[in-house]
Amino acid sequence: MKQIFTIGHSNRTWSDFASMLVKNCITMIVDVLRFPGSRRYPHFNKASMIKSLTDENLKYVQHIMRYQRSVYVFGNYC
């Protein structure tokens, strides 16, 4: 069974964020934001994240799930 984790970047540096992903064996980021980006933390903008995640051998997927409650199953991935 696959696991899904949620994470927010808050005010982390890219280094802290990437370390957290690696430490927890995360291999893919699924960005659910309609307009991915951050004015205050540009290293979390879509283009920057794709480049940085690729450099770390991690995958990036943008999947807009806004208002689609059916995609959530508590504790499991379906």
PDB file of N, CA and C in Angstrom:
ATOM      1  N   MET A   1       0.832  -1.170   0.000  1.00  0.00           N
ATOM      2  CA  MET A   1       0.000   0.000   0.000  1.00  0.00           C
ATOM      3  C   MET A   1       0.888   1.248   0.000  1.00  0.00           C
ATOM      4  N   LYS A   2       0.534   2.188  -0.851  1.00  0.00           N
ATOM      5  CA  LYS A   2       1.284   3.437  -0.909  1.00  0.00           C
ATOM      6  C   LYS A   2       0.788   4.383   0.172  1.00  0.00           C
ATOM      7  N   GLN A   3       1.684   5.233   0.621  1.00  0.00           N
ATOM      8  CA  GLN A   3       1.325   6.224   1.630  1.00  0.00           C
ATOM      9  C   GLN A   3       1.378   7.612   1.027  1.00  0.00           C
ATOM     10  N   ILE A   4       0.517   8.460   1.513  1.00  0.00           N
ATOM     11  CA  ILE A   4       0.511   9.860   1.108  1.00  0.00           C
ATOM     12  C   ILE A   4       0.783  10.700   2.345  1.00  0.00           C
ATOM     13  N   PHE A   5       1.697  11.636   2.194  1.00  0.00           N
ATOM     14  CA  PHE A   5       2.027  12.568   3.264  1.00  0.00           C
ATOM     15  C   PHE A   5       1.638  13.966   2.801  1.00  0.00           C
ATOM     16  N   THR A   6       1.305  14.818   3.719  1.00  0.00           N
ATOM     17  CA  THR A   6       1.073  16.217   3.377  1.00  0.00           C
ATOM     18  C   THR A   6       2.212  17.041   3.962  1.00  0.00           C
ATOM     19  N   ILE A   7       2.540  18.100   3.246  1.00  0.00           N
ATOM     20  CA  ILE A   7       3.632  18.954   3.701  1.00  0.00           C
ATOM     21  C   ILE A   7       3.387  20.368   3.189  1.00  0.00           C
ATOM     22  N   GLY A   8       3.753  21.324   3.984  1.00  0.00           N
ATOM     23  CA  GLY A   8       3.719  22.715   3.564  1.00  0.00           C
ATOM     24  C   GLY A   8       5.134  23.258   3.655  1.00  0.00           C
ATOM     25  N   HIS A   9       5.448  24.218   2.827  1.00  0.00           N
ATOM     26  CA  HIS A   9       6.824  24.720   2.860  1.00  0.00           C
ATOM     27  C   HIS A   9       7.035  25.712   3.985  1.00  0.00           C
ATOM     28  N   SER A  10       5.962  26.334   4.467  1.00  0.00           N
ATOM     29  CA  SER A  10       6.065  27.321   5.528  1.00  0.00           C
ATOM     30  C   SER A  10       7.132  28.341   5.158  1.00  0.00           C
ATOM     31  N   ASN A  11       8.113  28.529   5.993  1.00  0.00           N
ATOM     32  CA  ASN A  11       9.197  29.470   5.684  1.00  0.00           C
ATOM     33  C   ASN A  11      10.532  28.741   5.643  1.00  0.00           C
ATOM     34  N   ARG A  12      10.491  27.474   5.271  1.00  0.00           N
ATOM     35  CA  ARG A  12      11.713  26.664   5.209  1.00  0.00           C
ATOM     36  C   ARG A  12      12.608  27.087   4.049  1.00  0.00           C
ATOM     37  N   THR A  13      13.879  26.851   4.222  1.00  0.00           N
ATOM     38  CA  THR A  13      14.800  27.014   3.103  1.00  0.00           C
ATOM     39  C   THR A  13      14.631  25.801   2.199  1.00  0.00           C
ATOM     40  N   TRP A  14      15.107  25.918   0.958  1.00  0.00           N
ATOM     41  CA  TRP A  14      15.021  24.762   0.063  1.00  0.00           C
ATOM     42  C   TRP A  14      15.799  23.584   0.643  1.00  0.00           C
ATOM     43  N   SER A  15      16.946  23.853   1.211  1.00  0.00           N
ATOM     44  CA  SER A  15      17.785  22.803   1.793  1.00  0.00           C
ATOM     45  C   SER A  15      17.041  22.032   2.884  1.00  0.00           C
ATOM     46  N   ASP A  16      16.362  22.747   3.778  1.00  0.00           N
ATOM     47  CA  ASP A  16      15.587  22.094   4.843  1.00  0.00           C
ATOM     48  C   ASP A  16      14.445  21.262   4.267  1.00  0.00           C
ATOM     49  N   PHE A  17      13.762  21.825   3.290  1.00  0.00           N
ATOM     50  CA  PHE A  17      12.634  21.141   2.659  1.00  0.00           C
ATOM     51  C   PHE A  17      13.099  19.854   1.971  1.00  0.00           C
ATOM     52  N   ALA A  18      14.157  19.950   1.181  1.00  0.00           N
ATOM     53  CA  ALA A  18      14.677  18.780   0.467  1.00  0.00           C
ATOM     54  C   ALA A  18      15.184  17.722   1.446  1.00  0.00           C
ATOM     55  N   SER A  19      15.841  18.144   2.501  1.00  0.00           N
ATOM     56  CA  SER A  19      16.326  17.197   3.516  1.00  0.00           C
ATOM     57  C   SER A  19      15.172  16.435   4.153  1.00  0.00           C
ATOM     58  N   MET A  20      14.078  17.141   4.411  1.00  0.00           N
ATOM     59  CA  MET A  20      12.909  16.501   5.000  1.00  0.00           C
ATOM     60  C   MET A  20      12.326  15.449   4.046  1.00  0.00           C
ATOM     61  N   LEU A  21      12.312  15.751   2.758  1.00  0.00           N
ATOM     62  CA  LEU A  21      11.802  14.790   1.778  1.00  0.00           C
ATOM     63  C   LEU A  21      12.668  13.540   1.745  1.00  0.00           C
ATOM     64  N   VAL A  22      13.967  13.737   1.649  1.00  0.00           N
ATOM     65  CA  VAL A  22      14.900  12.608   1.580  1.00  0.00           C
ATOM     66  C   VAL A  22      14.843  11.782   2.864  1.00  0.00           C
ATOM     67  N   LYS A  23      14.845  12.435   3.996  1.00  0.00           N
ATOM     68  CA  LYS A  23      14.813  11.750   5.291  1.00  0.00           C
ATOM     69  C   LYS A  23      13.588  10.846   5.425  1.00  0.00           C
ATOM     70  N   ASN A  24      12.468  11.265   4.840  1.00  0.00           N
ATOM     71  CA  ASN A  24      11.226  10.503   4.944  1.00  0.00           C
ATOM     72  C   ASN A  24      10.940   9.644   3.713  1.00  0.00           C
ATOM     73  N   CYS A  25      11.958   9.459   2.870  1.00  0.00           N
ATOM     74  CA  CYS A  25      11.863   8.596   1.678  1.00  0.00           C
ATOM     75  C   CYS A  25      10.751   9.024   0.725  1.00  0.00           C
ATOM     76  N   ILE A  26      10.523  10.322   0.603  1.00  0.00           N
ATOM     77  CA  ILE A  26       9.536  10.850  -0.336  1.00  0.00           C
ATOM     78  C   ILE A  26      10.173  10.862  -1.719  1.00  0.00           C
ATOM     79  N   THR A  27       9.471  10.335  -2.718  1.00  0.00           N
ATOM     80  CA  THR A  27      10.024  10.255  -4.070  1.00  0.00           C
ATOM     81  C   THR A  27       9.298  11.147  -5.064  1.00  0.00           C
ATOM     82  N   MET A  28       8.143  11.674  -4.677  1.00  0.00           N
ATOM     83  CA  MET A  28       7.355  12.489  -5.595  1.00  0.00           C
ATOM     84  C   MET A  28       6.570  13.545  -4.826  1.00  0.00           C
ATOM     85  N   ILE A  29       6.516  14.737  -5.410  1.00  0.00           N
ATOM     86  CA  ILE A  29       5.688  15.815  -4.889  1.00  0.00           C
ATOM     87  C   ILE A  29       4.507  15.976  -5.835  1.00  0.00           C
ATOM     88  N   VAL A  30       3.309  15.941  -5.301  1.00  0.00           N
ATOM     89  CA  VAL A  30       2.107  16.226  -6.081  1.00  0.00           C
ATOM     90  C   VAL A  30       1.588  17.571  -5.585  1.00  0.00           C
ATOM     91  N   ASP A  31       1.738  18.571  -6.412  1.00  0.00           N
ATOM     92  CA  ASP A  31       1.346  19.931  -6.056  1.00  0.00           C
ATOM     93  C   ASP A  31      -0.137  20.102  -6.369  1.00  0.00           C
ATOM     94  N   VAL A  32      -0.937  20.365  -5.361  1.00  0.00           N
ATOM     95  CA  VAL A  32      -2.381  20.471  -5.552  1.00  0.00           C
ATOM     96  C   VAL A  32      -2.861  21.923  -5.632  1.00  0.00           C
ATOM     97  N   LEU A  33      -1.933  22.854  -5.658  1.00  0.00           N
ATOM     98  CA  LEU A  33      -2.316  24.261  -5.758  1.00  0.00           C
ATOM     99  C   LEU A  33      -2.750  24.603  -7.180  1.00  0.00           C
ATOM    100  N   ARG A  34      -3.771  25.415  -7.278  1.00  0.00           N
ATOM    101  CA  ARG A  34      -4.231  25.834  -8.601  1.00  0.00           C
ATOM    102  C   ARG A  34      -3.186  26.716  -9.285  1.00  0.00           C
ATOM    103  N   PHE A  35      -2.570  27.592  -8.517  1.00  0.00           N
ATOM    104  CA  PHE A  35      -1.514  28.461  -9.029  1.00  0.00           C
ATOM    105  C   PHE A  35      -0.287  28.285  -8.143  1.00  0.00           C
ATOM    106  N   PRO A  36       0.533  27.270  -8.402  1.00  0.00           N
ATOM    107  CA  PRO A  36       1.679  27.005  -7.528  1.00  0.00           C
ATOM    108  C   PRO A  36       2.702  28.133  -7.561  1.00  0.00           C
ATOM    109  N   GLY A  37       3.035  28.613  -6.395  1.00  0.00           N
ATOM    110  CA  GLY A  37       4.036  29.656  -6.326  1.00  0.00           C
ATOM    111  C   GLY A  37       4.023  30.356  -4.984  1.00  0.00           C
ATOM    112  N   SER A  38       5.058  31.121  -4.755  1.00  0.00           N
ATOM    113  CA  SER A  38       5.177  31.894  -3.525  1.00  0.00           C
ATOM    114  C   SER A  38       5.953  33.164  -3.834  1.00  0.00           C
ATOM    115  N   ARG A  39       5.355  34.302  -3.558  1.00  0.00           N
ATOM    116  CA  ARG A  39       6.070  35.572  -3.771  1.00  0.00           C
ATOM    117  C   ARG A  39       7.202  35.732  -2.772  1.00  0.00           C
ATOM    118  N   ARG A  40       6.950  35.324  -1.553  1.00  0.00           N
ATOM    119  CA  ARG A  40       7.928  35.512  -0.486  1.00  0.00           C
ATOM    120  C   ARG A  40       9.073  34.501  -0.559  1.00  0.00           C
ATOM    121  N   TYR A  41       8.776  33.291  -1.040  1.00  0.00           N
ATOM    122  CA  TYR A  41       9.783  32.228  -1.099  1.00  0.00           C
ATOM    123  C   TYR A  41       9.857  31.694  -2.530  1.00  0.00           C
ATOM    124  N   PRO A  42      10.574  32.397  -3.411  1.00  0.00           N
ATOM    125  CA  PRO A  42      10.583  32.045  -4.832  1.00  0.00           C
ATOM    126  C   PRO A  42      11.138  30.654  -5.137  1.00  0.00           C
ATOM    127  N   HIS A  43      11.890  30.068  -4.213  1.00  0.00           N
ATOM    128  CA  HIS A  43      12.394  28.717  -4.459  1.00  0.00           C
ATOM    129  C   HIS A  43      11.265  27.686  -4.405  1.00  0.00           C
ATOM    130  N   PHE A  44      10.057  28.107  -4.028  1.00  0.00           N
ATOM    131  CA  PHE A  44       8.896  27.219  -4.048  1.00  0.00           C
ATOM    132  C   PHE A  44       7.950  27.523  -5.208  1.00  0.00           C
ATOM    133  N   ASN A  45       8.385  28.320  -6.172  1.00  0.00           N
ATOM    134  CA  ASN A  45       7.610  28.512  -7.389  1.00  0.00           C
ATOM    135  C   ASN A  45       7.726  27.252  -8.240  1.00  0.00           C
ATOM    136  N   LYS A  46       6.728  27.025  -9.065  1.00  0.00           N
ATOM    137  CA  LYS A  46       6.652  25.786  -9.840  1.00  0.00           C
ATOM    138  C   LYS A  46       7.943  25.495 -10.617  1.00  0.00           C
ATOM    139  N   ALA A  47       8.414  26.441 -11.411  1.00  0.00           N
ATOM    140  CA  ALA A  47       9.609  26.209 -12.236  1.00  0.00           C
ATOM    141  C   ALA A  47      10.836  25.914 -11.375  1.00  0.00           C
ATOM    142  N   SER A  48      10.996  26.652 -10.297  1.00  0.00           N
ATOM    143  CA  SER A  48      12.135  26.429  -9.402  1.00  0.00           C
ATOM    144  C   SER A  48      12.054  25.064  -8.738  1.00  0.00           C
ATOM    145  N   MET A  49      10.844  24.684  -8.319  1.00  0.00           N
ATOM    146  CA  MET A  49      10.682  23.380  -7.667  1.00  0.00           C
ATOM    147  C   MET A  49      10.962  22.235  -8.627  1.00  0.00           C
ATOM    148  N   ILE A  50      10.471  22.356  -9.861  1.00  0.00           N
ATOM    149  CA  ILE A  50      10.714  21.293 -10.841  1.00  0.00           C
ATOM    150  C   ILE A  50      12.213  21.100 -11.025  1.00  0.00           C
ATOM    151  N   LYS A  51      12.939  22.196 -11.200  1.00  0.00           N
ATOM    152  CA  LYS A  51      14.398  22.108 -11.390  1.00  0.00           C
ATOM    153  C   LYS A  51      15.074  21.513 -10.161  1.00  0.00           C
ATOM    154  N   SER A  52      14.753  22.022  -8.995  1.00  0.00           N
ATOM    155  CA  SER A  52      15.406  21.560  -7.768  1.00  0.00           C
ATOM    156  C   SER A  52      15.060  20.116  -7.437  1.00  0.00           C
ATOM    157  N   LEU A  53      13.811  19.730  -7.638  1.00  0.00           N
ATOM    158  CA  LEU A  53      13.421  18.341  -7.375  1.00  0.00           C
ATOM    159  C   LEU A  53      14.100  17.392  -8.352  1.00  0.00           C
ATOM    160  N   THR A  54      14.194  17.797  -9.612  1.00  0.00           N
ATOM    161  CA  THR A  54      14.888  16.980 -10.611  1.00  0.00           C
ATOM    162  C   THR A  54      16.349  16.799 -10.219  1.00  0.00           C
ATOM    163  N   ASP A  55      16.975  17.862  -9.740  1.00  0.00           N
ATOM    164  CA  ASP A  55      18.369  17.773  -9.284  1.00  0.00           C
ATOM    165  C   ASP A  55      18.522  16.788  -8.129  1.00  0.00           C
ATOM    166  N   GLU A  56      17.460  16.612  -7.342  1.00  0.00           N
ATOM    167  CA  GLU A  56      17.480  15.682  -6.201  1.00  0.00           C
ATOM    168  C   GLU A  56      16.940  14.296  -6.585  1.00  0.00           C
ATOM    169  N   ASN A  57      16.692  14.083  -7.889  1.00  0.00           N
ATOM    170  CA  ASN A  57      16.110  12.825  -8.389  1.00  0.00           C
ATOM    171  C   ASN A  57      14.717  12.556  -7.817  1.00  0.00           C
ATOM    172  N   LEU A  58      13.953  13.604  -7.634  1.00  0.00           N
ATOM    173  CA  LEU A  58      12.575  13.496  -7.166  1.00  0.00           C
ATOM    174  C   LEU A  58      11.647  13.959  -8.283  1.00  0.00           C
ATOM    175  N   LYS A  59      10.417  13.465  -8.267  1.00  0.00           N
ATOM    176  CA  LYS A  59       9.449  13.816  -9.305  1.00  0.00           C
ATOM    177  C   LYS A  59       8.503  14.905  -8.814  1.00  0.00           C
ATOM    178  N   TYR A  60       8.037  15.713  -9.773  1.00  0.00           N
ATOM    179  CA  TYR A  60       7.058  16.765  -9.493  1.00  0.00           C
ATOM    180  C   TYR A  60       5.873  16.566 -10.423  1.00  0.00           C
ATOM    181  N   VAL A  61       4.683  16.581  -9.853  1.00  0.00           N
ATOM    182  CA  VAL A  61       3.458  16.479 -10.636  1.00  0.00           C
ATOM    183  C   VAL A  61       2.505  17.545 -10.127  1.00  0.00           C
ATOM    184  N   GLN A  62       1.889  18.265 -11.046  1.00  0.00           N
ATOM    185  CA  GLN A  62       0.855  19.202 -10.621  1.00  0.00           C
ATOM    186  C   GLN A  62      -0.486  18.546 -10.902  1.00  0.00           C
ATOM    187  N   HIS A  63      -1.270  18.400  -9.870  1.00  0.00           N
ATOM    188  CA  HIS A  63      -2.586  17.780 -10.008  1.00  0.00           C
ATOM    189  C   HIS A  63      -3.572  18.601  -9.204  1.00  0.00           C
ATOM    190  N   ILE A  64      -4.444  19.269  -9.900  1.00  0.00           N
ATOM    191  CA  ILE A  64      -5.399  20.141  -9.229  1.00  0.00           C
ATOM    192  C   ILE A  64      -6.558  19.300  -8.713  1.00  0.00           C
ATOM    193  N   MET A  65      -6.697  19.249  -7.396  1.00  0.00           N
ATOM    194  CA  MET A  65      -7.757  18.449  -6.787  1.00  0.00           C
ATOM    195  C   MET A  65      -8.752  19.329  -6.042  1.00  0.00           C
ATOM    196  N   ARG A  66      -8.788  20.551  -6.379  1.00  0.00           N
ATOM    197  CA  ARG A  66      -9.658  21.486  -5.674  1.00  0.00           C
ATOM    198  C   ARG A  66     -11.114  21.034  -5.739  1.00  0.00           C
ATOM    199  N   TYR A  67     -11.732  20.977  -4.592  1.00  0.00           N
ATOM    200  CA  TYR A  67     -13.144  20.617  -4.450  1.00  0.00           C
ATOM    201  C   TYR A  67     -13.456  19.189  -4.861  1.00  0.00           C
ATOM    202  N   GLN A  68     -12.467  18.311  -4.906  1.00  0.00           N
ATOM    203  CA  GLN A  68     -12.707  16.917  -5.258  1.00  0.00           C
ATOM    204  C   GLN A  68     -12.502  16.057  -4.020  1.00  0.00           C
ATOM    205  N   ARG A  69     -13.432  16.084  -3.118  1.00  0.00           N
ATOM    206  CA  ARG A  69     -13.310  15.339  -1.869  1.00  0.00           C
ATOM    207  C   ARG A  69     -13.196  13.840  -2.101  1.00  0.00           C
ATOM    208  N   SER A  70     -13.667  13.341  -3.221  1.00  0.00           N
ATOM    209  CA  SER A  70     -13.636  11.902  -3.476  1.00  0.00           C
ATOM    210  C   SER A  70     -12.217  11.352  -3.583  1.00  0.00           C
ATOM    211  N   VAL A  71     -11.207  12.206  -3.760  1.00  0.00           N
ATOM    212  CA  VAL A  71      -9.837  11.702  -3.874  1.00  0.00           C
ATOM    213  C   VAL A  71      -9.227  11.395  -2.518  1.00  0.00           C
ATOM    214  N   TYR A  72      -9.871  11.809  -1.443  1.00  0.00           N
ATOM    215  CA  TYR A  72      -9.318  11.596  -0.118  1.00  0.00           C
ATOM    216  C   TYR A  72      -9.915  10.356   0.536  1.00  0.00           C
ATOM    217  N   VAL A  73      -9.060   9.481   0.992  1.00  0.00           N
ATOM    218  CA  VAL A  73      -9.482   8.331   1.789  1.00  0.00           C
ATOM    219  C   VAL A  73      -8.643   8.392   3.048  1.00  0.00           C
ATOM    220  N   PHE A  74      -9.263   8.408   4.181  1.00  0.00           N
ATOM    221  CA  PHE A  74      -8.536   8.601   5.424  1.00  0.00           C
ATOM    222  C   PHE A  74      -7.597   7.443   5.706  1.00  0.00           C
ATOM    223  N   GLY A  75      -6.292   7.721   5.718  1.00  0.00           N
ATOM    224  CA  GLY A  75      -5.288   6.726   6.061  1.00  0.00           C
ATOM    225  C   GLY A  75      -4.835   5.852   4.918  1.00  0.00           C
ATOM    226  N   ASN A  76      -5.505   5.894   3.793  1.00  0.00           N
ATOM    227  CA  ASN A  76      -5.139   5.030   2.666  1.00  0.00           C
ATOM    228  C   ASN A  76      -5.108   5.828   1.374  1.00  0.00           C
ATOM    229  N   TYR A  77      -4.435   5.282   0.409  1.00  0.00           N
ATOM    230  CA  TYR A  77      -4.384   5.856  -0.925  1.00  0.00           C
ATOM    231  C   TYR A  77      -5.215   4.977  -1.830  1.00  0.00           C
ATOM    232  N   CYS A  78      -6.115   5.575  -2.572  1.00  0.00           N
ATOM    233  CA  CYS A  78      -6.921   4.761  -3.481  1.00  0.00           C
ATOM    234  C   CYS A  78      -6.699   5.200  -4.911  1.00  0.00           C
TER     235      CYS A  78
END
